[in-house]
N, C-alpha and C. Protein backbone atom coordinates (compact mmCIF):
# COMPACT_ATOMS: atom_id res chain seq x y z
N MET A 1 28.29 67.82 34.82
CA MET A 1 28.64 67.61 36.19
C MET A 1 30.02 66.96 36.24
N ARG A 2 30.83 67.40 37.19
CA ARG A 2 32.17 66.88 37.35
C ARG A 2 32.21 65.97 38.56
N ILE A 3 32.77 64.77 38.43
CA ILE A 3 32.89 63.83 39.54
C ILE A 3 34.37 63.66 39.83
N SER A 4 34.74 63.89 41.08
CA SER A 4 36.13 63.75 41.48
C SER A 4 36.36 62.35 42.03
N ARG A 5 37.50 61.79 41.75
CA ARG A 5 37.85 60.48 42.28
C ARG A 5 38.57 60.67 43.60
N ILE A 6 38.30 59.80 44.53
CA ILE A 6 38.89 59.89 45.85
C ILE A 6 39.77 58.67 46.06
N THR A 7 41.00 58.88 46.51
CA THR A 7 41.90 57.77 46.76
C THR A 7 41.57 57.13 48.11
N ILE A 8 42.09 55.94 48.34
CA ILE A 8 41.87 55.24 49.59
C ILE A 8 42.42 56.05 50.77
N LYS A 9 43.58 56.69 50.59
CA LYS A 9 44.16 57.52 51.64
C LYS A 9 43.21 58.66 51.98
N ASN A 10 42.64 59.30 50.95
CA ASN A 10 41.69 60.38 51.18
C ASN A 10 40.40 59.86 51.79
N LEU A 11 39.99 58.65 51.41
CA LEU A 11 38.77 58.06 51.95
C LEU A 11 38.89 57.86 53.46
N THR A 12 40.06 57.43 53.92
CA THR A 12 40.29 57.25 55.36
C THR A 12 40.19 58.59 56.07
N CYS A 13 40.76 59.63 55.47
CA CYS A 13 40.68 60.97 56.05
C CYS A 13 39.24 61.46 56.09
N ILE A 14 38.52 61.26 55.00
CA ILE A 14 37.12 61.68 54.92
C ILE A 14 36.29 60.93 55.95
N ALA A 15 36.57 59.63 56.10
CA ALA A 15 35.83 58.83 57.07
C ALA A 15 36.01 59.39 58.47
N SER A 16 37.22 59.81 58.79
CA SER A 16 37.49 60.40 60.11
C SER A 16 36.70 61.69 60.30
N VAL A 17 36.67 62.53 59.27
CA VAL A 17 35.92 63.79 59.34
C VAL A 17 34.43 63.52 59.49
N VAL A 18 33.91 62.56 58.73
CA VAL A 18 32.48 62.24 58.80
C VAL A 18 32.12 61.74 60.19
N VAL A 19 32.94 60.85 60.76
CA VAL A 19 32.67 60.34 62.10
C VAL A 19 32.71 61.48 63.12
N ALA A 20 33.68 62.39 62.98
CA ALA A 20 33.74 63.54 63.89
C ALA A 20 32.50 64.42 63.78
N MET A 21 32.04 64.65 62.54
CA MET A 21 30.83 65.46 62.35
C MET A 21 29.61 64.75 62.91
N LEU A 22 29.57 63.44 62.78
CA LEU A 22 28.45 62.67 63.34
C LEU A 22 28.41 62.82 64.85
N LEU A 23 29.56 62.69 65.47
CA LEU A 23 29.62 62.82 66.93
C LEU A 23 29.22 64.23 67.36
N CYS A 24 29.72 65.21 66.65
CA CYS A 24 29.40 66.60 66.95
C CYS A 24 27.91 66.87 66.80
N SER A 25 27.36 66.47 65.68
CA SER A 25 25.96 66.77 65.41
C SER A 25 25.03 65.98 66.31
N GLY A 26 25.41 64.77 66.67
CA GLY A 26 24.58 63.95 67.54
C GLY A 26 24.44 64.54 68.93
N GLN A 27 25.40 65.31 69.36
CA GLN A 27 25.34 65.90 70.69
C GLN A 27 24.72 67.29 70.66
N GLY A 28 24.31 67.76 69.50
CA GLY A 28 23.67 69.06 69.40
C GLY A 28 24.63 70.23 69.44
N ILE A 29 25.93 69.98 69.39
CA ILE A 29 26.92 71.05 69.47
C ILE A 29 26.87 71.93 68.24
N CYS A 30 26.52 71.37 67.10
CA CYS A 30 26.60 72.08 65.83
C CYS A 30 25.35 72.89 65.50
N LEU A 31 24.41 72.98 66.39
CA LEU A 31 23.19 73.71 66.09
C LEU A 31 23.42 75.21 66.09
N GLU A 32 22.88 75.88 65.13
CA GLU A 32 22.92 77.33 65.09
C GLU A 32 21.85 77.82 66.05
N ARG A 33 22.18 78.79 66.88
CA ARG A 33 21.26 79.23 67.92
C ARG A 33 19.90 79.67 67.40
N ASN A 34 19.87 80.48 66.37
CA ASN A 34 18.61 81.03 65.87
C ASN A 34 18.20 80.41 64.54
N SER A 35 18.69 79.23 64.27
CA SER A 35 18.41 78.60 62.99
C SER A 35 16.99 78.08 62.92
N LYS A 36 16.40 78.17 61.73
CA LYS A 36 15.10 77.57 61.49
C LYS A 36 15.27 76.14 61.03
N ILE A 37 16.51 75.73 60.79
CA ILE A 37 16.80 74.38 60.36
C ILE A 37 17.26 73.58 61.58
N ASP A 38 16.60 72.46 61.82
CA ASP A 38 17.02 71.55 62.89
C ASP A 38 18.09 70.65 62.28
N ILE A 39 19.35 70.87 62.68
CA ILE A 39 20.46 70.15 62.08
C ILE A 39 20.35 68.65 62.30
N ASN A 40 19.86 68.24 63.46
CA ASN A 40 19.72 66.81 63.72
C ASN A 40 18.69 66.18 62.79
N GLU A 41 17.59 66.88 62.55
CA GLU A 41 16.57 66.38 61.62
C GLU A 41 17.11 66.34 60.19
N LEU A 42 17.87 67.37 59.82
CA LEU A 42 18.47 67.41 58.49
C LEU A 42 19.40 66.22 58.29
N ILE A 43 20.20 65.92 59.29
CA ILE A 43 21.12 64.77 59.20
C ILE A 43 20.34 63.47 59.10
N ARG A 44 19.28 63.34 59.89
CA ARG A 44 18.46 62.12 59.81
C ARG A 44 17.86 61.94 58.41
N GLU A 45 17.51 63.04 57.77
CA GLU A 45 16.92 62.97 56.43
C GLU A 45 17.95 62.70 55.33
N THR A 46 19.19 63.08 55.55
CA THR A 46 20.18 63.00 54.47
C THR A 46 21.21 61.89 54.67
N GLN A 47 21.08 61.15 55.75
CA GLN A 47 22.07 60.13 56.06
C GLN A 47 21.42 58.78 56.32
N LYS A 48 22.03 57.76 55.79
CA LYS A 48 21.61 56.39 56.07
C LYS A 48 22.80 55.68 56.69
N MET A 49 22.53 54.99 57.79
CA MET A 49 23.61 54.31 58.50
C MET A 49 23.13 52.95 58.95
N THR A 50 23.95 51.94 58.74
CA THR A 50 23.64 50.61 59.24
C THR A 50 24.82 50.12 60.06
N GLN A 51 24.51 49.47 61.14
CA GLN A 51 25.55 48.85 61.95
C GLN A 51 25.10 47.44 62.27
N GLU A 52 25.68 46.52 61.55
CA GLU A 52 25.45 45.12 61.82
C GLU A 52 26.64 44.62 62.63
N ALA A 53 26.51 43.46 63.18
CA ALA A 53 27.61 42.89 63.96
C ALA A 53 28.87 42.85 63.11
N GLY A 54 29.88 43.58 63.54
CA GLY A 54 31.16 43.55 62.83
C GLY A 54 31.24 44.38 61.57
N ALA A 55 30.23 45.21 61.29
CA ALA A 55 30.25 46.01 60.06
C ALA A 55 29.65 47.39 60.30
N MET A 56 30.03 48.34 59.46
CA MET A 56 29.49 49.69 59.56
C MET A 56 29.42 50.28 58.15
N THR A 57 28.27 50.84 57.80
CA THR A 57 28.09 51.50 56.51
C THR A 57 27.38 52.83 56.74
N ILE A 58 27.94 53.89 56.18
CA ILE A 58 27.33 55.22 56.25
C ILE A 58 27.31 55.80 54.85
N VAL A 59 26.15 56.29 54.43
CA VAL A 59 26.00 57.03 53.18
C VAL A 59 25.34 58.34 53.56
N TRP A 60 26.01 59.45 53.24
CA TRP A 60 25.50 60.74 53.67
C TRP A 60 25.62 61.77 52.56
N TRP A 61 24.48 62.26 52.11
CA TRP A 61 24.44 63.41 51.21
C TRP A 61 24.55 64.63 52.12
N ILE A 62 25.54 65.48 51.88
CA ILE A 62 25.77 66.64 52.74
C ILE A 62 25.39 67.89 51.97
N PRO A 63 24.17 68.39 52.18
CA PRO A 63 23.69 69.54 51.41
C PRO A 63 24.23 70.87 51.93
N GLU A 64 24.04 71.89 51.15
CA GLU A 64 24.48 73.25 51.48
C GLU A 64 23.96 73.71 52.85
N GLU A 65 22.73 73.36 53.16
CA GLU A 65 22.12 73.81 54.43
C GLU A 65 22.90 73.30 55.63
N PHE A 66 23.43 72.08 55.54
CA PHE A 66 24.22 71.55 56.65
C PHE A 66 25.42 72.44 56.92
N TRP A 67 26.14 72.80 55.85
CA TRP A 67 27.34 73.62 56.03
C TRP A 67 27.00 74.99 56.59
N ARG A 68 25.93 75.59 56.08
CA ARG A 68 25.53 76.91 56.58
C ARG A 68 25.26 76.89 58.08
N VAL A 69 24.45 75.95 58.53
CA VAL A 69 24.08 75.88 59.94
C VAL A 69 25.29 75.49 60.79
N ASN A 70 26.05 74.52 60.34
CA ASN A 70 27.19 74.04 61.10
C ASN A 70 28.27 75.11 61.24
N LEU A 71 28.63 75.75 60.15
CA LEU A 71 29.69 76.76 60.19
C LEU A 71 29.26 78.02 60.93
N ALA A 72 27.98 78.35 60.88
CA ALA A 72 27.48 79.54 61.57
C ALA A 72 27.65 79.43 63.08
N GLN A 73 27.78 78.22 63.59
CA GLN A 73 27.95 78.00 65.03
C GLN A 73 29.34 78.42 65.52
N ASN A 74 30.31 78.46 64.62
CA ASN A 74 31.67 78.81 65.00
C ASN A 74 31.81 80.33 65.05
N PRO A 75 32.04 80.90 66.23
CA PRO A 75 32.10 82.37 66.35
C PRO A 75 33.28 83.00 65.62
N SER A 76 34.30 82.22 65.26
CA SER A 76 35.45 82.79 64.56
C SER A 76 35.26 82.83 63.05
N ILE A 77 34.12 82.30 62.55
CA ILE A 77 33.83 82.31 61.13
C ILE A 77 32.75 83.34 60.84
N THR A 78 33.04 84.25 59.93
CA THR A 78 32.07 85.29 59.58
C THR A 78 31.04 84.76 58.59
N LYS A 79 29.94 85.48 58.46
CA LYS A 79 28.91 85.12 57.48
C LYS A 79 29.49 85.14 56.07
N GLU A 80 30.37 86.09 55.80
CA GLU A 80 31.01 86.18 54.49
C GLU A 80 31.86 84.94 54.21
N GLN A 81 32.55 84.44 55.23
CA GLN A 81 33.36 83.24 55.06
C GLN A 81 32.47 82.02 54.81
N VAL A 82 31.35 81.95 55.52
CA VAL A 82 30.40 80.86 55.30
C VAL A 82 29.89 80.91 53.87
N ASP A 83 29.48 82.11 53.43
CA ASP A 83 28.98 82.28 52.06
C ASP A 83 30.04 81.87 51.03
N SER A 84 31.29 82.25 51.27
CA SER A 84 32.38 81.93 50.36
C SER A 84 32.59 80.41 50.30
N PHE A 85 32.57 79.76 51.45
CA PHE A 85 32.75 78.30 51.50
C PHE A 85 31.63 77.60 50.75
N VAL A 86 30.39 78.02 51.01
CA VAL A 86 29.24 77.40 50.34
C VAL A 86 29.30 77.64 48.84
N GLN A 87 29.75 78.81 48.42
CA GLN A 87 29.87 79.12 46.99
C GLN A 87 30.85 78.16 46.30
N ILE A 88 31.93 77.80 46.99
CA ILE A 88 32.91 76.86 46.44
C ILE A 88 32.27 75.48 46.27
N LEU A 89 31.47 75.07 47.23
CA LEU A 89 30.84 73.74 47.19
C LEU A 89 29.63 73.66 46.25
N ARG A 90 29.01 74.79 45.97
CA ARG A 90 27.74 74.81 45.24
C ARG A 90 27.73 74.00 43.93
N PRO A 91 28.79 74.01 43.12
CA PRO A 91 28.73 73.23 41.86
C PRO A 91 28.78 71.71 42.06
N TYR A 92 29.02 71.25 43.28
CA TYR A 92 29.22 69.84 43.53
C TYR A 92 28.08 69.24 44.36
N ILE A 93 27.91 67.94 44.19
CA ILE A 93 27.03 67.17 45.06
C ILE A 93 27.96 66.35 45.94
N LEU A 94 27.93 66.62 47.23
CA LEU A 94 28.85 65.96 48.15
C LEU A 94 28.16 64.79 48.83
N VAL A 95 28.70 63.60 48.59
CA VAL A 95 28.19 62.38 49.21
C VAL A 95 29.37 61.67 49.84
N ALA A 96 29.28 61.41 51.13
CA ALA A 96 30.32 60.68 51.84
C ALA A 96 29.85 59.24 52.05
N VAL A 97 30.73 58.30 51.74
CA VAL A 97 30.40 56.88 51.90
C VAL A 97 31.52 56.21 52.68
N VAL A 98 31.14 55.51 53.72
CA VAL A 98 32.09 54.74 54.52
C VAL A 98 31.51 53.34 54.65
N ASP A 99 32.31 52.34 54.33
CA ASP A 99 31.86 50.96 54.44
C ASP A 99 33.03 50.12 54.91
N GLY A 100 32.86 49.45 56.02
CA GLY A 100 33.98 48.67 56.53
C GLY A 100 33.57 47.61 57.53
N LYS A 101 34.55 46.80 57.86
CA LYS A 101 34.39 45.75 58.85
C LYS A 101 35.10 46.19 60.12
N ILE A 102 34.43 45.99 61.25
CA ILE A 102 34.99 46.38 62.54
C ILE A 102 35.72 45.17 63.12
N GLY A 103 37.00 45.39 63.46
CA GLY A 103 37.82 44.31 64.01
C GLY A 103 37.54 44.10 65.49
N SER A 104 38.15 43.08 66.04
CA SER A 104 37.92 42.72 67.44
C SER A 104 38.39 43.79 68.42
N LEU A 105 39.37 44.60 68.02
CA LEU A 105 39.86 45.67 68.88
C LEU A 105 39.24 47.03 68.53
N GLY A 106 38.24 47.03 67.67
CA GLY A 106 37.54 48.26 67.33
C GLY A 106 38.05 48.98 66.10
N GLY A 107 39.17 48.53 65.54
CA GLY A 107 39.68 49.14 64.32
C GLY A 107 38.78 48.78 63.14
N ILE A 108 38.76 49.65 62.15
CA ILE A 108 37.90 49.42 60.99
C ILE A 108 38.76 49.21 59.75
N VAL A 109 38.47 48.14 59.02
CA VAL A 109 39.11 47.89 57.73
C VAL A 109 38.10 48.31 56.68
N TYR A 110 38.44 49.37 55.96
CA TYR A 110 37.52 49.94 54.99
C TYR A 110 37.59 49.21 53.65
N LYS A 111 36.45 49.16 52.97
CA LYS A 111 36.41 48.60 51.62
C LYS A 111 37.12 49.56 50.68
N SER A 112 37.62 49.02 49.57
CA SER A 112 38.33 49.84 48.60
C SER A 112 37.36 50.75 47.86
N GLU A 113 37.91 51.78 47.24
CA GLU A 113 37.10 52.69 46.43
C GLU A 113 36.35 51.92 45.34
N MET A 114 37.05 50.98 44.69
CA MET A 114 36.43 50.22 43.62
C MET A 114 35.26 49.38 44.13
N ASP A 115 35.42 48.78 45.30
CA ASP A 115 34.31 48.00 45.89
C ASP A 115 33.12 48.89 46.22
N ILE A 116 33.39 50.05 46.77
CA ILE A 116 32.30 50.96 47.14
C ILE A 116 31.59 51.47 45.89
N ARG A 117 32.37 51.84 44.87
CA ARG A 117 31.76 52.35 43.63
C ARG A 117 30.89 51.29 42.93
N SER A 118 31.29 50.02 43.07
CA SER A 118 30.51 48.96 42.41
C SER A 118 29.21 48.73 43.15
């Protein structure tokens, strides 16, 4: 198994994408019309989130099924493109982790990669 290292700059970018996907999925926008997979239930099963006063932690295993259902909702993406995307991800286990302190104005100061890995 190959594990890729993520820089702090990339972690901030990933955190933004994860938050956007959370907002999207929470509103039911990402559901595939005829899917047998309930995307909201899948997210509840694969994601752990805690929000304490002044802190936020998200750990999310993002399985292949999430990408299939989510991407299928976009009418400009073909089934072949979805299959190709999933094929690229298949050798990897994708886990997104965000851990930070929320400031008084709502900004988040994220923990370093080394702190999260420990």
